[in-house]
Protein backbone atom coordinates (compact mmCIF):
# COMPACT_ATOMS: atom_id res chain seq x y z
CA MET A 1 0.00 0.00 0.00
CA HIS A 2 2.12 2.88 -1.27
CA GLU A 3 -0.68 5.29 -0.33
CA LEU A 4 0.54 5.10 3.28
CA SER A 5 3.99 6.36 2.29
CA ILE A 6 2.36 9.13 0.25
CA ALA A 7 0.25 10.11 3.27
CA ALA A 8 3.44 10.18 5.36
CA ALA A 9 5.11 12.43 2.77
CA ILE A 10 2.12 14.79 2.88
CA LEU A 11 2.42 14.99 6.67
CA ASP A 12 6.17 15.60 6.36
CA ARG A 13 5.46 18.56 4.07
CA VAL A 14 2.87 19.96 6.49
CA ALA A 15 5.35 19.54 9.36
CA ALA A 16 7.99 21.43 7.36
CA GLU A 17 5.54 24.29 6.81
CA ALA A 18 4.59 24.22 10.50
CA ALA A 19 8.25 24.66 11.42
CA ARG A 20 8.36 27.78 9.23
CA HIS A 21 5.18 29.24 10.77
CA ALA A 22 5.46 28.89 14.54
CA GLY A 23 2.19 29.49 16.35
CA ALA A 24 -0.02 28.75 13.36
CA ARG A 25 -2.70 26.05 13.54
CA PHE A 26 -2.84 23.83 10.47
CA THR A 27 -6.40 22.71 9.78
CA LYS A 28 -6.56 21.18 6.32
CA VAL A 29 -4.35 19.94 3.52
CA GLY A 30 -5.73 19.57 0.02
CA VAL A 31 -4.25 17.24 -2.57
CA ARG A 32 -4.99 16.61 -6.23
CA VAL A 33 -5.02 12.96 -7.27
CA GLY A 34 -5.24 12.13 -10.96
CA GLU A 35 -7.08 9.19 -12.43
CA LEU A 36 -3.84 7.97 -14.04
CA SER A 37 -1.66 8.50 -10.94
CA GLY A 38 -2.11 4.96 -9.67
CA ILE A 39 -3.27 6.31 -6.31
CA ASP A 40 -6.45 5.01 -4.69
CA PRO A 41 -8.04 8.07 -3.05
CA GLU A 42 -9.84 5.94 -0.45
CA ALA A 43 -6.63 4.15 0.52
CA LEU A 44 -4.81 7.50 0.73
CA SER A 45 -7.51 8.88 2.99
CA PHE A 46 -7.45 5.76 5.16
CA GLY A 47 -3.66 5.86 5.47
CA PHE A 48 -3.72 9.55 6.32
CA GLN A 49 -6.31 9.01 9.05
CA ALA A 50 -4.27 6.14 10.50
CA LEU A 51 -1.16 8.34 10.67
CA VAL A 52 -2.80 11.37 12.29
CA MET A 53 -4.86 9.40 14.81
CA GLU A 54 -3.80 10.22 18.37
CA SER A 55 -1.02 12.51 17.14
CA GLU A 56 -0.40 16.23 17.13
CA TRP A 57 -2.01 16.25 13.64
CA GLU A 58 -5.26 14.57 14.72
CA ARG A 59 -7.33 17.63 13.80
CA LEU A 60 -5.70 18.03 10.39
CA ALA A 61 -8.20 17.21 7.65
CA LEU A 62 -7.27 15.78 4.26
CA GLU A 63 -9.29 16.93 1.26
CA ILE A 64 -8.77 15.02 -1.97
CA GLU A 65 -9.63 16.49 -5.36
CA TYR A 66 -9.99 13.73 -7.94
CA CYS A 67 -8.73 14.81 -11.38
CA PRO A 68 -10.17 12.82 -14.30
CA ARG A 69 -8.20 12.00 -17.41
CA VAL A 70 -8.31 14.64 -20.17
CA GLN A 71 -6.84 14.22 -23.65
CA ARG A 72 -5.78 16.90 -26.16
CA CYS A 73 -5.84 16.30 -29.89
CA ARG A 74 -2.52 17.17 -31.52
CA GLN A 75 -4.31 17.90 -34.79
CA CYS A 76 -7.13 20.27 -33.75
CA ALA A 77 -6.14 21.05 -30.11
CA HIS A 78 -9.57 19.95 -28.83
CA GLU A 79 -9.50 18.82 -25.19
CA PHE A 80 -11.91 16.11 -24.12
CA PRO A 81 -12.57 13.88 -21.11
CA SER A 82 -11.53 10.27 -21.48
CA PRO A 83 -13.51 8.29 -18.89
CA ASN A 84 -13.20 4.96 -20.72
CA CYS A 85 -9.59 5.45 -21.88
CA GLU A 86 -10.90 6.66 -25.25
CA THR A 87 -8.12 8.54 -26.99
CA VAL A 88 -9.66 9.23 -30.40
CA CYS A 89 -10.62 12.89 -30.80
CA PRO A 90 -14.43 13.22 -30.84
CA LYS A 91 -14.17 16.44 -32.85
CA CYS A 92 -11.92 15.46 -35.79
CA SER A 93 -11.47 11.68 -35.27
CA ALA A 94 -7.68 11.97 -35.10
CA GLN A 95 -5.95 9.24 -33.13
CA ASP A 96 -2.90 11.32 -32.19
CA THR A 97 -3.84 12.64 -28.76
CA VAL A 98 -1.91 13.28 -25.58
CA SER A 99 -2.92 13.17 -21.93
CA VAL A 100 -3.03 16.69 -20.41
CA ALA A 101 -4.72 15.90 -17.09
CA GLY A 102 -5.16 12.92 -14.86
CA GLU A 103 -1.58 12.25 -13.76
CA GLU A 104 -1.63 14.74 -10.86
CA LEU A 105 -0.33 14.01 -7.40
CA ASP A 106 0.15 17.43 -5.84
CA ILE A 107 -0.40 19.25 -2.60
CA ALA A 108 -2.79 21.96 -3.75
CA TYR A 109 -3.04 23.94 -0.53
CA ILE A 110 -2.54 23.94 3.22
CA GLU A 111 -5.06 25.84 5.34
CA VAL A 112 -3.68 27.66 8.35
CA GLU A 113 -5.33 29.56 11.19
CA ASP A 114 -3.31 32.07 13.19
CA GLU A 115 -3.62 31.80 16.94
C-alpha cells in the first residue's frame, strides 16, 4: 500500500511548513489525485487518518480532489474527457492525442489559522 507512504510524505510537508510558521494552527491539507496516478483516493484517505490518529495532527483534515483523465488532440487542439480510456478525438477523429490531465499528485493547498 504505497498510499501510506504518500500520506506520510504529505504529513512531512505539512510539518515542514509548521516549522516555518510557529504558532499557526494547520487545519486542512488539500491534494490533487489524478485518475492515471495509480493512487487510490480511499486508501490514501485511510492511510492519512491512520497516521494522524492520536497525534499532534489529529485535527488536520485531508481533502482530496480527484482529477479525471483529459486528452488533447494534436491535430485540432480539442480537449476532451476520457472516462473509458478513449483517446480518439471526438471532434476530428484523429488518433494522435496526448494526456493533459489525470496524472496529478500534488499538494494543492494547506489551510492555516493564526492563533
